[in-house]
Amino acid sequence: MRRQRGSGDRGQVAVEFAGMVPVILLTLALLWQVVLVGYAYTLAGNAADEAARVCAVGGDYRAAGTRHLDGAWSGEVSCPGPADGMVTATVTVETPILFPGLGGFPGVEAKAGAVYEGEAADR
């Protein structure tokens, strides 16, 4: 019996595809993690801005800083007293691993400042 030309390559595409699937999935997972880190920076910056504005007028800056960190996102807010007429709010948001709620990396930190407009500024 005569062998057809190129018949030794039968199944080669399936083998190459099976070998590349883990590489493709790993690349997608890494890209998704980069998106989550970027979103954590965005959330932390927005939360710090809101906390600084509320802290500047003497309000509940913790509630303002965590207002948009709902669901699986968690963060810590601090705003020490005014110094030189300014308040600075610091927000740390936990960066999740692949999916929010599954634990995460050390937090992403953002700071924001505002002019103090509380009781001492009125005098």
PDB file of N, CA and C in Angstrom:
ATOM      1  N   MET A   1       0.833  -1.174   0.000  1.00  0.00           N
ATOM      2  CA  MET A   1       0.000   0.000   0.000  1.00  0.00           C
ATOM      3  C   MET A   1       0.880   1.240   0.000  1.00  0.00           C
ATOM      4  N   ARG A   2       0.460   2.179  -0.758  1.00  0.00           N
ATOM      5  CA  ARG A   2       1.197   3.432  -0.883  1.00  0.00           C
ATOM      6  C   ARG A   2       0.758   4.416   0.177  1.00  0.00           C
ATOM      7  N   ARG A   3       1.707   5.014   0.811  1.00  0.00           N
ATOM      8  CA  ARG A   3       1.403   6.004   1.845  1.00  0.00           C
ATOM      9  C   ARG A   3       1.237   7.368   1.202  1.00  0.00           C
ATOM     10  N   GLN A   4       0.188   8.084   1.634  1.00  0.00           N
ATOM     11  CA  GLN A   4      -0.047   9.408   1.063  1.00  0.00           C
ATOM     12  C   GLN A   4       0.938  10.404   1.650  1.00  0.00           C
ATOM     13  N   ARG A   5       1.241  11.340   0.844  1.00  0.00           N
ATOM     14  CA  ARG A   5       2.182  12.365   1.250  1.00  0.00           C
ATOM     15  C   ARG A   5       1.562  13.265   2.320  1.00  0.00           C
ATOM     16  N   GLY A   6       2.297  13.558   3.434  1.00  0.00           N
ATOM     17  CA  GLY A   6       1.826  14.445   4.487  1.00  0.00           C
ATOM     18  C   GLY A   6       0.952  13.758   5.515  1.00  0.00           C
ATOM     19  N   SER A   7       0.751  12.461   5.432  1.00  0.00           N
ATOM     20  CA  SER A   7      -0.126  11.798   6.396  1.00  0.00           C
ATOM     21  C   SER A   7       0.523  11.672   7.767  1.00  0.00           C
ATOM     22  N   GLY A   8       1.826  11.915   7.887  1.00  0.00           N
ATOM     23  CA  GLY A   8       2.506  11.839   9.177  1.00  0.00           C
ATOM     24  C   GLY A   8       2.208  13.038  10.069  1.00  0.00           C
ATOM     25  N   ASP A   9       1.582  14.071   9.509  1.00  0.00           N
ATOM     26  CA  ASP A   9       1.265  15.273  10.277  1.00  0.00           C
ATOM     27  C   ASP A   9      -0.148  15.245  10.846  1.00  0.00           C
ATOM     28  N   ARG A  10      -0.816  14.149  10.719  1.00  0.00           N
ATOM     29  CA  ARG A  10      -2.192  14.054  11.184  1.00  0.00           C
ATOM     30  C   ARG A  10      -2.243  14.257  12.704  1.00  0.00           C
ATOM     31  N   GLY A  11      -3.081  15.203  13.154  1.00  0.00           N
ATOM     32  CA  GLY A  11      -3.228  15.480  14.584  1.00  0.00           C
ATOM     33  C   GLY A  11      -2.253  16.514  15.123  1.00  0.00           C
ATOM     34  N   GLN A  12      -1.394  17.024  14.282  1.00  0.00           N
ATOM     35  CA  GLN A  12      -0.391  17.987  14.746  1.00  0.00           C
ATOM     36  C   GLN A  12      -1.031  19.278  15.270  1.00  0.00           C
ATOM     37  N   VAL A  13      -2.057  19.747  14.603  1.00  0.00           N
ATOM     38  CA  VAL A  13      -2.739  20.970  15.026  1.00  0.00           C
ATOM     39  C   VAL A  13      -3.362  20.783  16.402  1.00  0.00           C
ATOM     40  N   ALA A  14      -3.965  19.657  16.654  1.00  0.00           N
ATOM     41  CA  ALA A  14      -4.581  19.389  17.958  1.00  0.00           C
ATOM     42  C   ALA A  14      -3.532  19.356  19.066  1.00  0.00           C
ATOM     43  N   VAL A  15      -2.389  18.773  18.796  1.00  0.00           N
ATOM     44  CA  VAL A  15      -1.320  18.716  19.796  1.00  0.00           C
ATOM     45  C   VAL A  15      -0.779  20.114  20.086  1.00  0.00           C
ATOM     46  N   GLU A  16      -0.569  20.918  19.048  1.00  0.00           N
ATOM     47  CA  GLU A  16      -0.077  22.279  19.254  1.00  0.00           C
ATOM     48  C   GLU A  16      -1.098  23.126  20.012  1.00  0.00           C
ATOM     49  N   PHE A  17      -2.358  22.965  19.686  1.00  0.00           N
ATOM     50  CA  PHE A  17      -3.405  23.711  20.384  1.00  0.00           C
ATOM     51  C   PHE A  17      -3.450  23.314  21.858  1.00  0.00           C
ATOM     52  N   ALA A  18      -3.377  22.037  22.142  1.00  0.00           N
ATOM     53  CA  ALA A  18      -3.398  21.563  23.530  1.00  0.00           C
ATOM     54  C   ALA A  18      -2.189  22.095  24.303  1.00  0.00           C
ATOM     55  N   GLY A  19      -1.078  22.248  23.642  1.00  0.00           N
ATOM     56  CA  GLY A  19       0.116  22.801  24.293  1.00  0.00           C
ATOM     57  C   GLY A  19       0.022  24.297  24.537  1.00  0.00           C
ATOM     58  N   MET A  20      -0.718  25.004  23.688  1.00  0.00           N
ATOM     59  CA  MET A  20      -0.818  26.460  23.815  1.00  0.00           C
ATOM     60  C   MET A  20      -1.943  26.914  24.736  1.00  0.00           C
ATOM     61  N   VAL A  21      -2.920  26.071  25.012  1.00  0.00           N
ATOM     62  CA  VAL A  21      -4.049  26.461  25.864  1.00  0.00           C
ATOM     63  C   VAL A  21      -3.594  26.960  27.232  1.00  0.00           C
ATOM     64  N   PRO A  22      -2.687  26.264  27.944  1.00  0.00           N
ATOM     65  CA  PRO A  22      -2.247  26.799  29.240  1.00  0.00           C
ATOM     66  C   PRO A  22      -1.563  28.163  29.126  1.00  0.00           C
ATOM     67  N   VAL A  23      -0.792  28.370  28.082  1.00  0.00           N
ATOM     68  CA  VAL A  23      -0.117  29.654  27.887  1.00  0.00           C
ATOM     69  C   VAL A  23      -1.147  30.761  27.638  1.00  0.00           C
ATOM     70  N   ILE A  24      -2.153  30.478  26.846  1.00  0.00           N
ATOM     71  CA  ILE A  24      -3.202  31.459  26.560  1.00  0.00           C
ATOM     72  C   ILE A  24      -3.982  31.786  27.827  1.00  0.00           C
ATOM     73  N   LEU A  25      -4.348  30.765  28.596  1.00  0.00           N
ATOM     74  CA  LEU A  25      -5.096  30.990  29.844  1.00  0.00           C
ATOM     75  C   LEU A  25      -4.268  31.770  30.859  1.00  0.00           C
ATOM     76  N   LEU A  26      -2.993  31.472  30.966  1.00  0.00           N
ATOM     77  CA  LEU A  26      -2.121  32.213  31.882  1.00  0.00           C
ATOM     78  C   LEU A  26      -2.005  33.677  31.462  1.00  0.00           C
ATOM     79  N   THR A  27      -1.886  33.927  30.171  1.00  0.00           N
ATOM     80  CA  THR A  27      -1.819  35.297  29.674  1.00  0.00           C
ATOM     81  C   THR A  27      -3.104  36.061  29.984  1.00  0.00           C
ATOM     82  N   LEU A  28      -4.248  35.426  29.790  1.00  0.00           N
ATOM     83  CA  LEU A  28      -5.523  36.071  30.108  1.00  0.00           C
ATOM     84  C   LEU A  28      -5.653  36.353  31.599  1.00  0.00           C
ATOM     85  N   ALA A  29      -5.205  35.425  32.440  1.00  0.00           N
ATOM     86  CA  ALA A  29      -5.265  35.634  33.888  1.00  0.00           C
ATOM     87  C   ALA A  29      -4.372  36.799  34.303  1.00  0.00           C
ATOM     88  N   LEU A  30      -3.184  36.900  33.718  1.00  0.00           N
ATOM     89  CA  LEU A  30      -2.289  38.013  34.048  1.00  0.00           C
ATOM     90  C   LEU A  30      -2.865  39.345  33.585  1.00  0.00           C
ATOM     91  N   LEU A  31      -3.468  39.378  32.417  1.00  0.00           N
ATOM     92  CA  LEU A  31      -4.100  40.611  31.941  1.00  0.00           C
ATOM     93  C   LEU A  31      -5.258  41.011  32.849  1.00  0.00           C
ATOM     94  N   TRP A  32      -6.055  40.049  33.285  1.00  0.00           N
ATOM     95  CA  TRP A  32      -7.161  40.337  34.191  1.00  0.00           C
ATOM     96  C   TRP A  32      -6.641  40.886  35.520  1.00  0.00           C
ATOM     97  N   GLN A  33      -5.531  40.348  36.011  1.00  0.00           N
ATOM     98  CA  GLN A  33      -4.954  40.841  37.262  1.00  0.00           C
ATOM     99  C   GLN A  33      -4.485  42.286  37.100  1.00  0.00           C
ATOM    100  N   VAL A  34      -3.924  42.620  35.959  1.00  0.00           N
ATOM    101  CA  VAL A  34      -3.505  44.002  35.701  1.00  0.00           C
ATOM    102  C   VAL A  34      -4.723  44.924  35.714  1.00  0.00           C
ATOM    103  N   VAL A  35      -5.832  44.484  35.148  1.00  0.00           N
ATOM    104  CA  VAL A  35      -7.069  45.275  35.160  1.00  0.00           C
ATOM    105  C   VAL A  35      -7.541  45.492  36.593  1.00  0.00           C
ATOM    106  N   LEU A  36      -7.497  44.456  37.417  1.00  0.00           N
ATOM    107  CA  LEU A  36      -7.926  44.585  38.817  1.00  0.00           C
ATOM    108  C   LEU A  36      -7.037  45.547  39.604  1.00  0.00           C
ATOM    109  N   VAL A  37      -5.743  45.511  39.363  1.00  0.00           N
ATOM    110  CA  VAL A  37      -4.836  46.435  40.048  1.00  0.00           C
ATOM    111  C   VAL A  37      -5.143  47.873  39.620  1.00  0.00           C
ATOM    112  N   GLY A  38      -5.366  48.081  38.336  1.00  0.00           N
ATOM    113  CA  GLY A  38      -5.721  49.420  37.858  1.00  0.00           C
ATOM    114  C   GLY A  38      -7.023  49.915  38.446  1.00  0.00           C
ATOM    115  N   TYR A  39      -8.001  49.031  38.543  1.00  0.00           N
ATOM    116  CA  TYR A  39      -9.289  49.416  39.128  1.00  0.00           C
ATOM    117  C   TYR A  39      -9.146  49.718  40.617  1.00  0.00           C
ATOM    118  N   ALA A  40      -8.277  48.967  41.302  1.00  0.00           N
ATOM    119  CA  ALA A  40      -8.032  49.236  42.722  1.00  0.00           C
ATOM    120  C   ALA A  40      -7.415  50.626  42.903  1.00  0.00           C
ATOM    121  N   TYR A  41      -6.497  51.020  42.019  1.00  0.00           N
ATOM    122  CA  TYR A  41      -5.926  52.365  42.086  1.00  0.00           C
ATOM    123  C   TYR A  41      -7.005  53.427  41.855  1.00  0.00           C
ATOM    124  N   THR A  42      -7.898  53.177  40.913  1.00  0.00           N
ATOM    125  CA  THR A  42      -8.979  54.123  40.641  1.00  0.00           C
ATOM    126  C   THR A  42      -9.905  54.254  41.840  1.00  0.00           C
ATOM    127  N   LEU A  43     -10.293  53.129  42.427  1.00  0.00           N
ATOM    128  CA  LEU A  43     -11.149  53.159  43.612  1.00  0.00           C
ATOM    129  C   LEU A  43     -10.473  53.874  44.775  1.00  0.00           C
ATOM    130  N   ALA A  44      -9.196  53.591  44.998  1.00  0.00           N
ATOM    131  CA  ALA A  44      -8.476  54.209  46.119  1.00  0.00           C
ATOM    132  C   ALA A  44      -8.364  55.717  45.927  1.00  0.00           C
ATOM    133  N   GLY A  45      -8.075  56.165  44.723  1.00  0.00           N
ATOM    134  CA  GLY A  45      -7.973  57.599  44.465  1.00  0.00           C
ATOM    135  C   GLY A  45      -9.283  58.325  44.669  1.00  0.00           C
ATOM    136  N   ASN A  46     -10.368  57.747  44.170  1.00  0.00           N
ATOM    137  CA  ASN A  46     -11.689  58.351  44.334  1.00  0.00           C
ATOM    138  C   ASN A  46     -12.082  58.376  45.814  1.00  0.00           C
ATOM    139  N   ALA A  47     -11.840  57.285  46.521  1.00  0.00           N
ATOM    140  CA  ALA A  47     -12.188  57.222  47.944  1.00  0.00           C
ATOM    141  C   ALA A  47     -11.380  58.232  48.751  1.00  0.00           C
ATOM    142  N   ALA A  48     -10.115  58.423  48.411  1.00  0.00           N
ATOM    143  CA  ALA A  48      -9.281  59.396  49.121  1.00  0.00           C
ATOM    144  C   ALA A  48      -9.774  60.820  48.869  1.00  0.00           C
ATOM    145  N   ASP A  49     -10.168  61.129  47.645  1.00  0.00           N
ATOM    146  CA  ASP A  49     -10.715  62.453  47.334  1.00  0.00           C
ATOM    147  C   ASP A  49     -11.969  62.738  48.150  1.00  0.00           C
ATOM    148  N   GLU A  50     -12.879  61.770  48.171  1.00  0.00           N
ATOM    149  CA  GLU A  50     -14.122  61.979  48.913  1.00  0.00           C
ATOM    150  C   GLU A  50     -13.875  62.083  50.410  1.00  0.00           C
ATOM    151  N   ALA A  51     -12.989  61.251  50.937  1.00  0.00           N
ATOM    152  CA  ALA A  51     -12.685  61.298  52.368  1.00  0.00           C
ATOM    153  C   ALA A  51     -12.030  62.624  52.747  1.00  0.00           C
ATOM    154  N   ALA A  52     -11.156  63.145  51.907  1.00  0.00           N
ATOM    155  CA  ALA A  52     -10.494  64.417  52.197  1.00  0.00           C
ATOM    156  C   ALA A  52     -11.493  65.567  52.199  1.00  0.00           C
ATOM    157  N   ARG A  53     -12.426  65.571  51.253  1.00  0.00           N
ATOM    158  CA  ARG A  53     -13.433  66.637  51.218  1.00  0.00           C
ATOM    159  C   ARG A  53     -14.297  66.628  52.470  1.00  0.00           C
ATOM    160  N   VAL A  54     -14.718  65.438  52.905  1.00  0.00           N
ATOM    161  CA  VAL A  54     -15.574  65.339  54.084  1.00  0.00           C
ATOM    162  C   VAL A  54     -14.769  65.633  55.357  1.00  0.00           C
ATOM    163  N   CYS A  55     -13.528  65.197  55.399  1.00  0.00           N
ATOM    164  CA  CYS A  55     -12.672  65.457  56.565  1.00  0.00           C
ATOM    165  C   CYS A  55     -12.397  66.954  56.703  1.00  0.00           C
ATOM    166  N   ALA A  56     -12.350  67.661  55.588  1.00  0.00           N
ATOM    167  CA  ALA A  56     -12.069  69.096  55.614  1.00  0.00           C
ATOM    168  C   ALA A  56     -13.166  69.891  56.304  1.00  0.00           C
ATOM    169  N   VAL A  57     -14.383  69.379  56.299  1.00  0.00           N
ATOM    170  CA  VAL A  57     -15.484  70.083  56.953  1.00  0.00           C
ATOM    171  C   VAL A  57     -15.864  69.427  58.276  1.00  0.00           C
ATOM    172  N   GLY A  58     -15.073  68.446  58.710  1.00  0.00           N
ATOM    173  CA  GLY A  58     -15.300  67.812  60.003  1.00  0.00           C
ATOM    174  C   GLY A  58     -16.358  66.739  60.006  1.00  0.00           C
ATOM    175  N   GLY A  59     -16.623  66.113  58.877  1.00  0.00           N
ATOM    176  CA  GLY A  59     -17.657  65.073  58.789  1.00  0.00           C
ATOM    177  C   GLY A  59     -17.099  63.681  58.996  1.00  0.00           C
ATOM    178  N   ASP A  60     -17.928  62.685  58.728  1.00  0.00           N
ATOM    179  CA  ASP A  60     -17.556  61.276  58.881  1.00  0.00           C
ATOM    180  C   ASP A  60     -16.779  60.822  57.647  1.00  0.00           C
ATOM    181  N   TYR A  61     -15.473  61.008  57.680  1.00  0.00           N
ATOM    182  CA  TYR A  61     -14.637  60.706  56.518  1.00  0.00           C
ATOM    183  C   TYR A  61     -14.533  59.202  56.260  1.00  0.00           C
ATOM    184  N   ARG A  62     -14.655  58.365  57.284  1.00  0.00           N
ATOM    185  CA  ARG A  62     -14.587  56.906  57.068  1.00  0.00           C
ATOM    186  C   ARG A  62     -15.755  56.429  56.206  1.00  0.00           C
ATOM    187  N   ALA A  63     -16.944  56.913  56.511  1.00  0.00           N
ATOM    188  CA  ALA A  63     -18.118  56.532  55.707  1.00  0.00           C
ATOM    189  C   ALA A  63     -17.996  57.063  54.287  1.00  0.00           C
ATOM    190  N   ALA A  64     -17.496  58.282  54.140  1.00  0.00           N
ATOM    191  CA  ALA A  64     -17.346  58.856  52.800  1.00  0.00           C
ATOM    192  C   ALA A  64     -16.289  58.110  51.990  1.00  0.00           C
ATOM    193  N   GLY A  65     -15.201  57.711  52.654  1.00  0.00           N
ATOM    194  CA  GLY A  65     -14.123  57.018  51.950  1.00  0.00           C
ATOM    195  C   GLY A  65     -14.460  55.597  51.551  1.00  0.00           C
ATOM    196  N   THR A  66     -15.379  54.974  52.272  1.00  0.00           N
ATOM    197  CA  THR A  66     -15.726  53.587  51.946  1.00  0.00           C
ATOM    198  C   THR A  66     -17.089  53.467  51.260  1.00  0.00           C
ATOM    199  N   ARG A  67     -17.707  54.573  50.935  1.00  0.00           N
ATOM    200  CA  ARG A  67     -19.041  54.561  50.314  1.00  0.00           C
ATOM    201  C   ARG A  67     -19.074  53.756  49.021  1.00  0.00           C
ATOM    202  N   HIS A  68     -18.055  53.891  48.199  1.00  0.00           N
ATOM    203  CA  HIS A  68     -18.036  53.211  46.901  1.00  0.00           C
ATOM    204  C   HIS A  68     -17.224  51.917  46.922  1.00  0.00           C
ATOM    205  N   LEU A  69     -16.773  51.504  48.086  1.00  0.00           N
ATOM    206  CA  LEU A  69     -16.034  50.247  48.210  1.00  0.00           C
ATOM    207  C   LEU A  69     -16.990  49.163  48.697  1.00  0.00           C
ATOM    208  N   ASP A  70     -18.008  48.903  47.917  1.00  0.00           N
ATOM    209  CA  ASP A  70     -18.988  47.923  48.341  1.00  0.00           C
ATOM    210  C   ASP A  70     -18.675  46.561  47.746  1.00  0.00           C
ATOM    211  N   GLY A  71     -19.411  45.590  48.179  1.00  0.00           N
ATOM    212  CA  GLY A  71     -19.211  44.232  47.679  1.00  0.00           C
ATOM    213  C   GLY A  71     -17.947  43.629  48.245  1.00  0.00           C
ATOM    214  N   ALA A  72     -17.124  43.078  47.370  1.00  0.00           N
ATOM    215  CA  ALA A  72     -15.923  42.379  47.799  1.00  0.00           C
ATOM    216  C   ALA A  72     -14.720  43.300  47.998  1.00  0.00           C
ATOM    217  N   TRP A  73     -14.835  44.551  47.621  1.00  0.00           N
ATOM    218  CA  TRP A  73     -13.723  45.481  47.791  1.00  0.00           C
ATOM    219  C   TRP A  73     -13.726  46.004  49.225  1.00  0.00           C
ATOM    220  N   SER A  74     -12.569  46.055  49.831  1.00  0.00           N
ATOM    221  CA  SER A  74     -12.480  46.568  51.202  1.00  0.00           C
ATOM    222  C   SER A  74     -11.308  47.536  51.282  1.00  0.00           C
ATOM    223  N   GLY A  75     -11.417  48.469  52.222  1.00  0.00           N
ATOM    224  CA  GLY A  75     -10.362  49.450  52.366  1.00  0.00           C
ATOM    225  C   GLY A  75     -10.352  50.076  53.741  1.00  0.00           C
ATOM    226  N   GLU A  76      -9.251  50.722  54.045  1.00  0.00           N
ATOM    227  CA  GLU A  76      -9.083  51.431  55.308  1.00  0.00           C
ATOM    228  C   GLU A  76      -8.875  52.911  55.007  1.00  0.00           C
ATOM    229  N   VAL A  77      -9.493  53.760  55.822  1.00  0.00           N
ATOM    230  CA  VAL A  77      -9.421  55.200  55.613  1.00  0.00           C
ATOM    231  C   VAL A  77      -8.853  55.850  56.871  1.00  0.00           C
ATOM    232  N   SER A  78      -7.917  56.771  56.685  1.00  0.00           N
ATOM    233  CA  SER A  78      -7.418  57.555  57.817  1.00  0.00           C
ATOM    234  C   SER A  78      -7.299  59.010  57.394  1.00  0.00           C
ATOM    235  N   CYS A  79      -7.558  59.886  58.351  1.00  0.00           N
ATOM    236  CA  CYS A  79      -7.459  61.321  58.093  1.00  0.00           C
ATOM    237  C   CYS A  79      -7.075  61.993  59.413  1.00  0.00           C
ATOM    238  N   PRO A  80      -5.781  62.132  59.662  1.00  0.00           N
ATOM    239  CA  PRO A  80      -5.378  62.789  60.898  1.00  0.00           C
ATOM    240  C   PRO A  80      -5.821  64.250  60.889  1.00  0.00           C
ATOM    241  N   GLY A  81      -5.735  64.883  62.030  1.00  0.00           N
ATOM    242  CA  GLY A  81      -6.174  66.277  62.147  1.00  0.00           C
ATOM    243  C   GLY A  81      -5.462  67.208  61.191  1.00  0.00           C
ATOM    244  N   PRO A  82      -5.981  68.415  61.080  1.00  0.00           N
ATOM    245  CA  PRO A  82      -5.397  69.375  60.134  1.00  0.00           C
ATOM    246  C   PRO A  82      -3.986  69.796  60.542  1.00  0.00           C
ATOM    247  N   ALA A  83      -3.171  70.028  59.538  1.00  0.00           N
ATOM    248  CA  ALA A  83      -1.810  70.522  59.748  1.00  0.00           C
ATOM    249  C   ALA A  83      -1.573  71.627  58.722  1.00  0.00           C
ATOM    250  N   ASP A  84      -1.229  72.802  59.206  1.00  0.00           N
ATOM    251  CA  ASP A  84      -0.978  73.959  58.329  1.00  0.00           C
ATOM    252  C   ASP A  84      -2.177  74.281  57.449  1.00  0.00           C
ATOM    253  N   GLY A  85      -3.367  74.119  57.995  1.00  0.00           N
ATOM    254  CA  GLY A  85      -4.578  74.460  57.261  1.00  0.00           C
ATOM    255  C   GLY A  85      -5.008  73.443  56.223  1.00  0.00           C
ATOM    256  N   MET A  86      -4.393  72.265  56.220  1.00  0.00           N
ATOM    257  CA  MET A  86      -4.724  71.213  55.242  1.00  0.00           C
ATOM    258  C   MET A  86      -5.040  69.916  55.974  1.00  0.00           C
ATOM    259  N   VAL A  87      -5.900  69.114  55.389  1.00  0.00           N
ATOM    260  CA  VAL A  87      -6.132  67.753  55.859  1.00  0.00           C
ATOM    261  C   VAL A  87      -5.719  66.804  54.737  1.00  0.00           C
ATOM    262  N   THR A  88      -5.194  65.661  55.115  1.00  0.00           N
ATOM    263  CA  THR A  88      -4.776  64.667  54.138  1.00  0.00           C
ATOM    264  C   THR A  88      -5.432  63.339  54.484  1.00  0.00           C
ATOM    265  N   ALA A  89      -6.187  62.806  53.553  1.00  0.00           N
ATOM    266  CA  ALA A  89      -6.838  61.508  53.735  1.00  0.00           C
ATOM    267  C   ALA A  89      -6.021  60.443  53.012  1.00  0.00           C
ATOM    268  N   THR A  90      -5.847  59.325  53.666  1.00  0.00           N
ATOM    269  CA  THR A  90      -5.135  58.192  53.087  1.00  0.00           C
ATOM    270  C   THR A  90      -6.081  56.996  53.052  1.00  0.00           C
ATOM    271  N   VAL A  91      -6.200  56.378  51.889  1.00  0.00           N
ATOM    272  CA  VAL A  91      -7.062  55.205  51.719  1.00  0.00           C
ATOM    273  C   VAL A  91      -6.207  54.062  51.192  1.00  0.00           C
ATOM    274  N   THR A  92      -6.356  52.895  51.827  1.00  0.00           N
ATOM    275  CA  THR A  92      -5.680  51.681  51.375  1.00  0.00           C
ATOM    276  C   THR A  92      -6.751  50.681  50.960  1.00  0.00           C
ATOM    277  N   VAL A  93      -6.706  50.250  49.697  1.00  0.00           N
ATOM    278  CA  VAL A  93      -7.676  49.298  49.156  1.00  0.00           C
ATOM    279  C   VAL A  93      -6.945  47.992  48.869  1.00  0.00           C
ATOM    280  N   GLU A  94      -7.523  46.892  49.337  1.00  0.00           N
ATOM    281  CA  GLU A  94      -6.935  45.578  49.087  1.00  0.00           C
ATOM    282  C   GLU A  94      -7.102  45.212  47.623  1.00  0.00           C
ATOM    283  N   THR A  95      -6.020  44.769  46.995  1.00  0.00           N
ATOM    284  CA  THR A  95      -6.058  44.359  45.598  1.00  0.00           C
ATOM    285  C   THR A  95      -6.328  42.864  45.536  1.00  0.00           C
ATOM    286  N   PRO A  96      -7.454  42.453  44.953  1.00  0.00           N
ATOM    287  CA  PRO A  96      -7.787  41.031  44.941  1.00  0.00           C
ATOM    288  C   PRO A  96      -6.916  40.228  43.976  1.00  0.00           C
ATOM    289  N   ILE A  97      -6.874  38.926  44.226  1.00  0.00           N
ATOM    290  CA  ILE A  97      -6.194  38.005  43.319  1.00  0.00           C
ATOM    291  C   ILE A  97      -7.257  37.359  42.439  1.00  0.00           C
ATOM    292  N   LEU A  98      -7.272  37.704  41.182  1.00  0.00           N
ATOM    293  CA  LEU A  98      -8.163  37.206  40.130  1.00  0.00           C
ATOM    294  C   LEU A  98      -9.636  37.557  40.301  1.00  0.00           C
ATOM    295  N   PHE A  99     -10.210  37.425  41.485  1.00  0.00           N
ATOM    296  CA  PHE A  99     -11.606  37.767  41.694  1.00  0.00           C
ATOM    297  C   PHE A  99     -11.763  38.471  43.027  1.00  0.00           C
ATOM    298  N   PRO A 100     -12.491  39.587  43.089  1.00  0.00           N
ATOM    299  CA  PRO A 100     -12.723  40.248  44.369  1.00  0.00           C
ATOM    300  C   PRO A 100     -13.382  39.293  45.355  1.00  0.00           C
ATOM    301  N   GLY A 101     -12.850  39.282  46.578  1.00  0.00           N
ATOM    302  CA  GLY A 101     -13.400  38.433  47.616  1.00  0.00           C
ATOM    303  C   GLY A 101     -12.586  37.180  47.878  1.00  0.00           C
ATOM    304  N   LEU A 102     -11.573  36.906  47.056  1.00  0.00           N
ATOM    305  CA  LEU A 102     -10.761  35.703  47.231  1.00  0.00           C
ATOM    306  C   LEU A 102      -9.454  35.967  47.970  1.00  0.00           C
ATOM    307  N   GLY A 103      -9.348  37.079  48.664  1.00  0.00           N
ATOM    308  CA  GLY A 103      -8.073  37.439  49.285  1.00  0.00           C
ATOM    309  C   GLY A 103      -7.326  38.344  48.339  1.00  0.00           C
ATOM    310  N   GLY A 104      -6.187  38.820  48.781  1.00  0.00           N
ATOM    311  CA  GLY A 104      -5.508  39.729  47.882  1.00  0.00           C
ATOM    312  C   GLY A 104      -4.081  40.037  48.245  1.00  0.00           C
ATOM    313  N   PHE A 105      -3.516  40.887  47.429  1.00  0.00           N
ATOM    314  CA  PHE A 105      -2.168  41.383  47.621  1.00  0.00           C
ATOM    315  C   PHE A 105      -2.187  42.488  48.666  1.00  0.00           C
ATOM    316  N   PRO A 106      -1.017  42.938  49.085  1.00  0.00           N
ATOM    317  CA  PRO A 106      -1.008  44.123  49.951  1.00  0.00           C
ATOM    318  C   PRO A 106      -1.716  45.278  49.263  1.00  0.00           C
ATOM    319  N   GLY A 107      -2.261  46.152  50.068  1.00  0.00           N
ATOM    320  CA  GLY A 107      -3.138  47.186  49.550  1.00  0.00           C
ATOM    321  C   GLY A 107      -2.492  48.230  48.664  1.00  0.00           C
ATOM    322  N   VAL A 108      -3.340  48.840  47.866  1.00  0.00           N
ATOM    323  CA  VAL A 108      -2.988  49.983  47.031  1.00  0.00           C
ATOM    324  C   VAL A 108      -3.314  51.227  47.841  1.00  0.00           C
ATOM    325  N   GLU A 109      -2.395  52.159  47.923  1.00  0.00           N
ATOM    326  CA  GLU A 109      -2.604  53.339  48.763  1.00  0.00           C
ATOM    327  C   GLU A 109      -2.752  54.593  47.910  1.00  0.00           C
ATOM    328  N   ALA A 110      -3.687  55.438  48.315  1.00  0.00           N
ATOM    329  CA  ALA A 110      -3.885  56.726  47.649  1.00  0.00           C
ATOM    330  C   ALA A 110      -4.056  57.803  48.707  1.00  0.00           C
ATOM    331  N   LYS A 111      -3.550  58.989  48.405  1.00  0.00           N
ATOM    332  CA  LYS A 111      -3.668  60.124  49.318  1.00  0.00           C
ATOM    333  C   LYS A 111      -4.299  61.296  48.584  1.00  0.00           C
ATOM    334  N   ALA A 112      -5.052  62.076  49.344  1.00  0.00           N
ATOM    335  CA  ALA A 112      -5.653  63.287  48.784  1.00  0.00           C
ATOM    336  C   ALA A 112      -5.697  64.334  49.884  1.00  0.00           C
ATOM    337  N   GLY A 113      -5.607  65.580  49.490  1.00  0.00           N
ATOM    338  CA  GLY A 113      -5.634  66.664  50.465  1.00  0.00           C
ATOM    339  C   GLY A 113      -6.699  67.688  50.129  1.00  0.00           C
ATOM    340  N   ALA A 114      -7.093  68.433  51.162  1.00  0.00           N
ATOM    341  CA  ALA A 114      -8.075  69.502  50.980  1.00  0.00           C
ATOM    342  C   ALA A 114      -7.808  70.574  52.026  1.00  0.00           C
ATOM    343  N   VAL A 115      -8.230  71.777  51.745  1.00  0.00           N
ATOM    344  CA  VAL A 115      -8.090  72.884  52.687  1.00  0.00           C
ATOM    345  C   VAL A 115      -9.068  72.671  53.831  1.00  0.00           C
ATOM    346  N   TYR A 116      -8.582  72.804  55.067  1.00  0.00           N
ATOM    347  CA  TYR A 116      -9.423  72.583  56.239  1.00  0.00           C
ATOM    348  C   TYR A 116     -10.433  73.711  56.376  1.00  0.00           C
ATOM    349  N   GLU A 117     -11.708  73.353  56.499  1.00  0.00           N
ATOM    350  CA  GLU A 117     -12.773  74.316  56.604  1.00  0.00           C
ATOM    351  C   GLU A 117     -13.606  74.113  57.859  1.00  0.00           C
ATOM    352  N   GLY A 118     -13.037  73.420  58.842  1.00  0.00           N
ATOM    353  CA  GLY A 118     -13.770  73.108  60.063  1.00  0.00           C
ATOM    354  C   GLY A 118     -13.837  74.287  61.021  1.00  0.00           C
ATOM    355  N   GLU A 119     -14.046  74.002  62.297  1.00  0.00           N
ATOM    356  CA  GLU A 119     -14.261  75.021  63.339  1.00  0.00           C
ATOM    357  C   GLU A 119     -13.086  75.991  63.461  1.00  0.00           C
ATOM    358  N   ALA A 120     -11.870  75.489  63.411  1.00  0.00           N
ATOM    359  CA  ALA A 120     -10.704  76.351  63.588  1.00  0.00           C
ATOM    360  C   ALA A 120     -10.545  77.346  62.435  1.00  0.00           C
ATOM    361  N   ALA A 121     -10.987  76.983  61.256  1.00  0.00           N
ATOM    362  CA  ALA A 121     -10.872  77.861  60.105  1.00  0.00           C
ATOM    363  C   ALA A 121     -11.845  79.031  60.175  1.00  0.00           C
ATOM    364  N   ASP A 122     -12.917  78.903  60.949  1.00  0.00           N
ATOM    365  CA  ASP A 122     -13.915  79.970  61.067  1.00  0.00           C
ATOM    366  C   ASP A 122     -13.455  81.114  61.967  1.00  0.00           C
ATOM    367  N   ARG A 123     -12.470  80.869  62.792  1.00  0.00           N
ATOM    368  CA  ARG A 123     -12.034  81.895  63.755  1.00  0.00           C
ATOM    369  C   ARG A 123     -11.182  82.962  63.139  1.00  0.00           C
TER     370      ARG A 123
END
